[in-house]
Amino acid sequence: MKSVLFIILIVLTIIFLIISLFHLYWAFGGTVGKTESVPVTEKGTLLFEPGFMPCLVVGLGFLFLIFLLYLPSLDLVSDTISTGILWIVMGVFLLRVIGDFNYVGLFKKVKNTTFSRNDNRYFVPLCFLIALLILLKNLAD
């Protein structure tokens, strides 16, 4: 069971690190993939402009999630607290899978945009995978 937990932690770490690096890259002026990762209206208007602070906060947030994965082994907080936080994080990713019923998630209405296709191909499955891996990690602890 320890080897399965180790693999789960490594996969989550890699996923969170890649997501973090993309957001930090965008925060500091990078543009590759940025607009394709933002929901748009049917007319192609971005629903929001991801600026420096939002990208920085999300990037640092994903780095914090990596820290959170290993928090129990650092003995800084109880296992109950770190596992509880991870249950909440898992719930957030499941909510992202479900979506807002308009622009993101499985039940979105707007389906013919580049973002929508990316959401179906990459973002929804990735969020489901993250939620599943967190579930397995929490159950293995």
N, C-alpha and C. Protein backbone atom coordinates (compact mmCIF):
# COMPACT_ATOMS: atom_id res chain seq x y z
N MET A 1 0.82 -1.20 0.00
CA MET A 1 0.00 0.00 0.00
C MET A 1 0.86 1.26 0.00
N LYS A 2 2.02 1.18 0.64
CA LYS A 2 2.92 2.34 0.68
C LYS A 2 3.41 2.71 -0.71
N SER A 3 3.65 1.71 -1.57
CA SER A 3 4.13 2.02 -2.92
C SER A 3 3.03 2.68 -3.75
N VAL A 4 1.78 2.28 -3.54
CA VAL A 4 0.66 2.91 -4.25
C VAL A 4 0.52 4.35 -3.80
N LEU A 5 0.62 4.57 -2.50
CA LEU A 5 0.53 5.93 -1.97
C LEU A 5 1.67 6.79 -2.50
N PHE A 6 2.87 6.22 -2.59
CA PHE A 6 4.02 6.94 -3.13
C PHE A 6 3.77 7.36 -4.58
N ILE A 7 3.23 6.45 -5.39
CA ILE A 7 2.94 6.76 -6.79
C ILE A 7 1.88 7.85 -6.89
N ILE A 8 0.84 7.76 -6.07
CA ILE A 8 -0.21 8.78 -6.06
C ILE A 8 0.39 10.14 -5.72
N LEU A 9 1.23 10.19 -4.70
CA LEU A 9 1.85 11.46 -4.31
C LEU A 9 2.73 12.02 -5.43
N ILE A 10 3.48 11.17 -6.09
CA ILE A 10 4.35 11.63 -7.18
C ILE A 10 3.52 12.16 -8.34
N VAL A 11 2.47 11.44 -8.72
CA VAL A 11 1.61 11.89 -9.84
C VAL A 11 0.95 13.21 -9.50
N LEU A 12 0.39 13.34 -8.31
CA LEU A 12 -0.25 14.60 -7.90
C LEU A 12 0.78 15.74 -7.86
N THR A 13 1.97 15.45 -7.37
CA THR A 13 3.02 16.47 -7.32
C THR A 13 3.36 16.96 -8.72
N ILE A 14 3.52 16.05 -9.66
CA ILE A 14 3.85 16.43 -11.03
C ILE A 14 2.71 17.26 -11.65
N ILE A 15 1.48 16.81 -11.46
CA ILE A 15 0.32 17.54 -12.01
C ILE A 15 0.25 18.95 -11.41
N PHE A 16 0.33 19.05 -10.08
CA PHE A 16 0.25 20.35 -9.42
C PHE A 16 1.42 21.25 -9.82
N LEU A 17 2.60 20.69 -9.98
CA LEU A 17 3.76 21.48 -10.37
C LEU A 17 3.59 22.03 -11.79
N ILE A 18 3.12 21.22 -12.70
CA ILE A 18 2.92 21.68 -14.08
C ILE A 18 1.86 22.78 -14.13
N ILE A 19 0.74 22.58 -13.43
CA ILE A 19 -0.31 23.60 -13.40
C ILE A 19 0.23 24.88 -12.78
N SER A 20 0.98 24.75 -11.70
CA SER A 20 1.57 25.92 -11.04
C SER A 20 2.50 26.66 -11.98
N LEU A 21 3.38 25.94 -12.65
CA LEU A 21 4.34 26.58 -13.55
C LEU A 21 3.65 27.31 -14.70
N PHE A 22 2.58 26.74 -15.25
CA PHE A 22 1.82 27.43 -16.29
C PHE A 22 1.27 28.75 -15.76
N HIS A 23 0.66 28.72 -14.58
CA HIS A 23 0.07 29.95 -14.04
C HIS A 23 1.13 30.99 -13.69
N LEU A 24 2.25 30.55 -13.17
CA LEU A 24 3.34 31.50 -12.89
C LEU A 24 3.92 32.07 -14.18
N TYR A 25 4.03 31.25 -15.20
CA TYR A 25 4.48 31.70 -16.53
C TYR A 25 3.52 32.77 -17.06
N TRP A 26 2.21 32.52 -16.94
CA TRP A 26 1.23 33.50 -17.40
C TRP A 26 1.28 34.76 -16.54
N ALA A 27 1.49 34.61 -15.24
CA ALA A 27 1.55 35.78 -14.34
C ALA A 27 2.67 36.72 -14.75
N PHE A 28 3.78 36.16 -15.20
CA PHE A 28 4.93 36.98 -15.55
C PHE A 28 5.04 37.25 -17.04
N GLY A 29 3.89 37.21 -17.74
CA GLY A 29 3.84 37.69 -19.11
C GLY A 29 3.76 36.64 -20.20
N GLY A 30 3.82 35.38 -19.86
CA GLY A 30 3.71 34.33 -20.88
C GLY A 30 2.32 34.31 -21.49
N THR A 31 2.25 33.91 -22.74
CA THR A 31 0.96 33.93 -23.43
C THR A 31 0.55 32.58 -24.00
N VAL A 32 1.48 31.65 -24.16
CA VAL A 32 1.16 30.37 -24.79
C VAL A 32 0.11 29.63 -23.98
N GLY A 33 -1.02 29.34 -24.60
CA GLY A 33 -2.09 28.60 -23.97
C GLY A 33 -2.98 29.38 -23.03
N LYS A 34 -2.67 30.64 -22.82
CA LYS A 34 -3.41 31.43 -21.82
C LYS A 34 -4.87 31.65 -22.24
N THR A 35 -5.10 32.16 -23.43
CA THR A 35 -6.48 32.46 -23.83
C THR A 35 -7.28 31.19 -24.09
N GLU A 36 -6.59 30.09 -24.45
CA GLU A 36 -7.29 28.82 -24.68
C GLU A 36 -7.74 28.18 -23.37
N SER A 37 -7.25 28.72 -22.26
CA SER A 37 -7.58 28.16 -20.95
C SER A 37 -8.61 28.97 -20.19
N VAL A 38 -9.17 29.97 -20.85
CA VAL A 38 -10.16 30.84 -20.22
C VAL A 38 -11.51 30.64 -20.91
N PRO A 39 -12.57 30.44 -20.14
CA PRO A 39 -13.89 30.27 -20.76
C PRO A 39 -14.29 31.52 -21.56
N VAL A 40 -15.00 31.29 -22.66
CA VAL A 40 -15.45 32.38 -23.51
C VAL A 40 -16.94 32.24 -23.78
N THR A 41 -17.55 33.35 -24.16
CA THR A 41 -18.95 33.33 -24.56
C THR A 41 -19.07 32.69 -25.94
N GLU A 42 -20.30 32.53 -26.39
CA GLU A 42 -20.52 31.97 -27.73
C GLU A 42 -19.94 32.85 -28.82
N LYS A 43 -19.78 34.14 -28.52
CA LYS A 43 -19.21 35.08 -29.49
C LYS A 43 -17.69 35.17 -29.38
N GLY A 44 -17.10 34.42 -28.43
CA GLY A 44 -15.66 34.40 -28.29
C GLY A 44 -15.08 35.42 -27.32
N THR A 45 -15.93 36.10 -26.57
CA THR A 45 -15.46 37.08 -25.59
C THR A 45 -15.01 36.36 -24.32
N LEU A 46 -13.79 36.67 -23.86
CA LEU A 46 -13.29 36.07 -22.63
C LEU A 46 -14.20 36.45 -21.47
N LEU A 47 -14.51 35.50 -20.60
CA LEU A 47 -15.35 35.79 -19.44
C LEU A 47 -14.59 36.59 -18.40
N PHE A 48 -13.26 36.48 -18.39
CA PHE A 48 -12.43 37.28 -17.51
C PHE A 48 -11.03 37.34 -18.10
N GLU A 49 -10.30 38.37 -17.71
CA GLU A 49 -8.91 38.54 -18.13
C GLU A 49 -8.00 38.07 -17.01
N PRO A 50 -7.32 36.96 -17.21
CA PRO A 50 -6.43 36.49 -16.14
C PRO A 50 -5.16 37.34 -16.07
N GLY A 51 -5.14 38.25 -15.12
CA GLY A 51 -4.01 39.16 -14.97
C GLY A 51 -2.94 38.59 -14.06
N PHE A 52 -2.01 39.47 -13.69
CA PHE A 52 -0.86 39.07 -12.87
C PHE A 52 -1.28 38.43 -11.55
N MET A 53 -2.08 39.13 -10.75
CA MET A 53 -2.42 38.64 -9.41
C MET A 53 -3.21 37.33 -9.44
N PRO A 54 -4.27 37.22 -10.25
CA PRO A 54 -4.99 35.92 -10.26
C PRO A 54 -4.09 34.76 -10.67
N CYS A 55 -3.26 34.97 -11.68
CA CYS A 55 -2.36 33.89 -12.12
C CYS A 55 -1.33 33.57 -11.04
N LEU A 56 -0.82 34.60 -10.38
CA LEU A 56 0.16 34.39 -9.32
C LEU A 56 -0.47 33.63 -8.15
N VAL A 57 -1.66 34.02 -7.74
CA VAL A 57 -2.34 33.37 -6.62
C VAL A 57 -2.62 31.90 -6.95
N VAL A 58 -3.11 31.62 -8.15
CA VAL A 58 -3.39 30.23 -8.53
C VAL A 58 -2.09 29.44 -8.59
N GLY A 59 -1.05 30.02 -9.20
CA GLY A 59 0.24 29.34 -9.27
C GLY A 59 0.80 29.00 -7.90
N LEU A 60 0.75 29.97 -6.98
CA LEU A 60 1.22 29.72 -5.62
C LEU A 60 0.30 28.76 -4.87
N GLY A 61 -0.98 28.83 -5.19
CA GLY A 61 -1.95 27.91 -4.58
C GLY A 61 -1.64 26.46 -4.92
N PHE A 62 -1.28 26.21 -6.17
CA PHE A 62 -0.94 24.84 -6.54
C PHE A 62 0.38 24.40 -5.91
N LEU A 63 1.31 25.31 -5.70
CA LEU A 63 2.52 24.97 -4.97
C LEU A 63 2.17 24.62 -3.52
N PHE A 64 1.23 25.37 -2.94
CA PHE A 64 0.77 25.06 -1.59
C PHE A 64 0.14 23.67 -1.53
N LEU A 65 -0.59 23.29 -2.59
CA LEU A 65 -1.20 21.95 -2.60
C LEU A 65 -0.13 20.87 -2.56
N ILE A 66 1.01 21.11 -3.21
CA ILE A 66 2.11 20.14 -3.14
C ILE A 66 2.58 20.03 -1.70
N PHE A 67 2.77 21.17 -1.05
CA PHE A 67 3.18 21.20 0.36
C PHE A 67 2.15 20.45 1.21
N LEU A 68 0.88 20.67 0.93
CA LEU A 68 -0.20 20.05 1.69
C LEU A 68 -0.17 18.52 1.58
N LEU A 69 0.22 18.02 0.41
CA LEU A 69 0.29 16.57 0.22
C LEU A 69 1.28 15.93 1.19
N TYR A 70 2.35 16.64 1.49
CA TYR A 70 3.42 16.08 2.32
C TYR A 70 3.37 16.58 3.76
N LEU A 71 2.40 17.41 4.08
CA LEU A 71 2.28 18.00 5.41
C LEU A 71 2.24 16.96 6.53
N PRO A 72 1.48 15.86 6.39
CA PRO A 72 1.45 14.89 7.49
C PRO A 72 2.83 14.34 7.83
N SER A 73 3.66 14.12 6.84
CA SER A 73 4.99 13.55 7.10
C SER A 73 5.93 14.58 7.73
N LEU A 74 5.57 15.87 7.66
CA LEU A 74 6.40 16.91 8.28
C LEU A 74 6.05 17.14 9.74
N ASP A 75 4.96 16.53 10.21
CA ASP A 75 4.49 16.66 11.59
C ASP A 75 4.26 18.11 12.02
N LEU A 76 3.81 18.95 11.10
CA LEU A 76 3.50 20.34 11.44
C LEU A 76 2.06 20.49 11.93
N VAL A 77 1.17 19.68 11.39
CA VAL A 77 -0.23 19.65 11.83
C VAL A 77 -0.66 18.19 11.91
N SER A 78 -1.79 17.96 12.52
CA SER A 78 -2.26 16.58 12.66
C SER A 78 -2.70 16.03 11.30
N ASP A 79 -2.67 14.73 11.19
CA ASP A 79 -3.15 14.07 9.97
C ASP A 79 -4.61 14.40 9.70
N THR A 80 -5.38 14.56 10.77
CA THR A 80 -6.80 14.86 10.63
C THR A 80 -7.02 16.19 9.92
N ILE A 81 -6.24 17.19 10.28
CA ILE A 81 -6.39 18.51 9.66
C ILE A 81 -5.97 18.48 8.20
N SER A 82 -4.81 17.90 7.90
CA SER A 82 -4.35 17.88 6.51
C SER A 82 -5.26 17.03 5.64
N THR A 83 -5.74 15.91 6.17
CA THR A 83 -6.67 15.08 5.40
C THR A 83 -7.98 15.80 5.20
N GLY A 84 -8.46 16.51 6.21
CA GLY A 84 -9.69 17.28 6.08
C GLY A 84 -9.58 18.35 5.00
N ILE A 85 -8.46 19.03 4.97
CA ILE A 85 -8.24 20.05 3.92
C ILE A 85 -8.23 19.38 2.55
N LEU A 86 -7.60 18.22 2.46
CA LEU A 86 -7.56 17.53 1.16
C LEU A 86 -8.95 17.05 0.74
N TRP A 87 -9.82 16.69 1.69
CA TRP A 87 -11.20 16.34 1.33
C TRP A 87 -11.89 17.55 0.71
N ILE A 88 -11.64 18.72 1.27
CA ILE A 88 -12.23 19.96 0.72
C ILE A 88 -11.68 20.22 -0.68
N VAL A 89 -10.38 20.07 -0.85
CA VAL A 89 -9.75 20.28 -2.16
C VAL A 89 -10.34 19.30 -3.17
N MET A 90 -10.52 18.04 -2.76
CA MET A 90 -11.14 17.05 -3.64
C MET A 90 -12.54 17.50 -4.05
N GLY A 91 -13.30 18.01 -3.10
CA GLY A 91 -14.64 18.51 -3.40
C GLY A 91 -14.62 19.65 -4.40
N VAL A 92 -13.64 20.55 -4.26
CA VAL A 92 -13.52 21.67 -5.20
C VAL A 92 -13.27 21.14 -6.62
N PHE A 93 -12.39 20.15 -6.74
CA PHE A 93 -12.12 19.60 -8.07
C PHE A 93 -13.33 18.86 -8.63
N LEU A 94 -14.11 18.19 -7.77
CA LEU A 94 -15.33 17.54 -8.25
C LEU A 94 -16.35 18.58 -8.70
N LEU A 95 -16.45 19.68 -7.97
CA LEU A 95 -17.34 20.76 -8.40
C LEU A 95 -16.90 21.33 -9.74
N ARG A 96 -15.59 21.41 -9.97
CA ARG A 96 -15.08 21.89 -11.27
C ARG A 96 -15.45 20.92 -12.38
N VAL A 97 -15.46 19.63 -12.08
CA VAL A 97 -15.87 18.63 -13.07
C VAL A 97 -17.33 18.85 -13.43
N ILE A 98 -18.17 19.05 -12.44
CA ILE A 98 -19.60 19.29 -12.69
C ILE A 98 -19.77 20.61 -13.44
N GLY A 99 -19.10 21.65 -12.99
CA GLY A 99 -19.11 22.93 -13.70
C GLY A 99 -20.18 23.89 -13.23
N ASP A 100 -20.31 24.96 -14.03
CA ASP A 100 -21.25 26.03 -13.70
C ASP A 100 -22.54 25.95 -14.52
N PHE A 101 -22.68 24.92 -15.32
CA PHE A 101 -23.85 24.68 -16.16
C PHE A 101 -23.97 25.67 -17.32
N ASN A 102 -22.96 26.51 -17.52
CA ASN A 102 -22.95 27.44 -18.65
C ASN A 102 -21.70 27.30 -19.49
N TYR A 103 -20.52 27.53 -18.88
CA TYR A 103 -19.28 27.64 -19.66
C TYR A 103 -18.24 26.58 -19.34
N VAL A 104 -18.29 25.98 -18.15
CA VAL A 104 -17.27 25.00 -17.77
C VAL A 104 -17.92 23.73 -17.22
N GLY A 105 -17.19 22.63 -17.30
CA GLY A 105 -17.64 21.38 -16.70
C GLY A 105 -18.43 20.49 -17.63
N LEU A 106 -18.84 19.37 -17.08
CA LEU A 106 -19.56 18.36 -17.86
C LEU A 106 -20.91 18.85 -18.38
N PHE A 107 -21.55 19.74 -17.66
CA PHE A 107 -22.92 20.14 -18.00
C PHE A 107 -23.00 21.53 -18.58
N LYS A 108 -21.94 21.98 -19.23
CA LYS A 108 -21.94 23.33 -19.80
C LYS A 108 -22.89 23.41 -21.00
N LYS A 109 -23.41 24.62 -21.24
CA LYS A 109 -24.30 24.87 -22.37
C LYS A 109 -23.52 25.31 -23.60
N VAL A 110 -22.49 26.12 -23.39
CA VAL A 110 -21.68 26.63 -24.50
C VAL A 110 -20.65 25.56 -24.84
N LYS A 111 -20.79 24.95 -26.03
CA LYS A 111 -19.99 23.78 -26.37
C LYS A 111 -19.17 23.92 -27.65
N ASN A 112 -19.27 25.03 -28.33
CA ASN A 112 -18.60 25.15 -29.63
C ASN A 112 -17.49 26.19 -29.64
N THR A 113 -16.72 26.25 -28.57
CA THR A 113 -15.60 27.18 -28.51
C THR A 113 -14.32 26.38 -28.30
N THR A 114 -13.19 27.02 -28.54
CA THR A 114 -11.90 26.35 -28.30
C THR A 114 -11.78 25.96 -26.84
N PHE A 115 -12.16 26.86 -25.94
CA PHE A 115 -12.09 26.52 -24.52
C PHE A 115 -12.97 25.31 -24.21
N SER A 116 -14.18 25.29 -24.75
CA SER A 116 -15.10 24.19 -24.47
C SER A 116 -14.53 22.86 -24.91
N ARG A 117 -13.92 22.84 -26.08
CA ARG A 117 -13.29 21.60 -26.56
C ARG A 117 -12.10 21.22 -25.65
N ASN A 118 -11.30 22.21 -25.25
CA ASN A 118 -10.19 21.94 -24.33
C ASN A 118 -10.72 21.45 -22.98
N ASP A 119 -11.82 22.04 -22.55
CA ASP A 119 -12.42 21.64 -21.28
C ASP A 119 -12.83 20.17 -21.33
N ASN A 120 -13.47 19.78 -22.42
CA ASN A 120 -13.92 18.39 -22.56
C ASN A 120 -12.74 17.42 -22.67
N ARG A 121 -11.73 17.82 -23.42
CA ARG A 121 -10.59 16.92 -23.67
C ARG A 121 -9.60 16.86 -22.51
N TYR A 122 -9.33 18.00 -21.89
CA TYR A 122 -8.23 18.07 -20.93
C TYR A 122 -8.65 18.45 -19.51
N PHE A 123 -9.36 19.57 -19.37
CA PHE A 123 -9.57 20.14 -18.04
C PHE A 123 -10.50 19.30 -17.17
N VAL A 124 -11.64 18.87 -17.72
CA VAL A 124 -12.57 18.05 -16.94
C VAL A 124 -11.93 16.70 -16.57
N PRO A 125 -11.34 15.97 -17.53
CA PRO A 125 -10.69 14.71 -17.13
C PRO A 125 -9.56 14.92 -16.11
N LEU A 126 -8.80 16.00 -16.28
CA LEU A 126 -7.71 16.27 -15.34
C LEU A 126 -8.25 16.55 -13.94
N CYS A 127 -9.30 17.35 -13.85
CA CYS A 127 -9.90 17.64 -12.54
C CYS A 127 -10.47 16.37 -11.91
N PHE A 128 -11.08 15.50 -12.73
CA PHE A 128 -11.59 14.24 -12.21
C PHE A 128 -10.44 13.35 -11.72
N LEU A 129 -9.36 13.30 -12.48
CA LEU A 129 -8.19 12.51 -12.08
C LEU A 129 -7.61 13.02 -10.76
N ILE A 130 -7.50 14.34 -10.63
CA ILE A 130 -6.99 14.92 -9.39
C ILE A 130 -7.89 14.54 -8.22
N ALA A 131 -9.20 14.68 -8.39
CA ALA A 131 -10.14 14.34 -7.31
C ALA A 131 -10.02 12.86 -6.96
N LEU A 132 -9.91 12.00 -7.95
CA LEU A 132 -9.79 10.56 -7.72
C LEU A 132 -8.49 10.23 -6.98
N LEU A 133 -7.40 10.84 -7.40
CA LEU A 133 -6.12 10.59 -6.74
C LEU A 133 -6.12 11.08 -5.29
N ILE A 134 -6.74 12.23 -5.05
CA ILE A 134 -6.85 12.71 -3.66
C ILE A 134 -7.70 11.76 -2.84
N LEU A 135 -8.80 11.27 -3.42
CA LEU A 135 -9.64 10.29 -2.73
C LEU A 135 -8.81 9.06 -2.36
N LEU A 136 -8.08 8.52 -3.32
CA LEU A 136 -7.27 7.33 -3.07
C LEU A 136 -6.19 7.61 -2.02
N LYS A 137 -5.59 8.79 -2.08
CA LYS A 137 -4.57 9.16 -1.09
C LYS A 137 -5.18 9.21 0.30
N ASN A 138 -6.34 9.87 0.42
CA ASN A 138 -6.98 9.98 1.72
C ASN A 138 -7.40 8.60 2.27
N LEU A 139 -7.86 7.73 1.39
CA LEU A 139 -8.27 6.41 1.84
C LEU A 139 -7.07 5.55 2.21
N ALA A 140 -5.94 5.80 1.55
CA ALA A 140 -4.73 5.00 1.82
C ALA A 140 -4.05 5.43 3.12
N ASP A 141 -4.27 6.66 3.54
CA ASP A 141 -3.62 7.16 4.78
C ASP A 141 -4.19 6.52 6.01
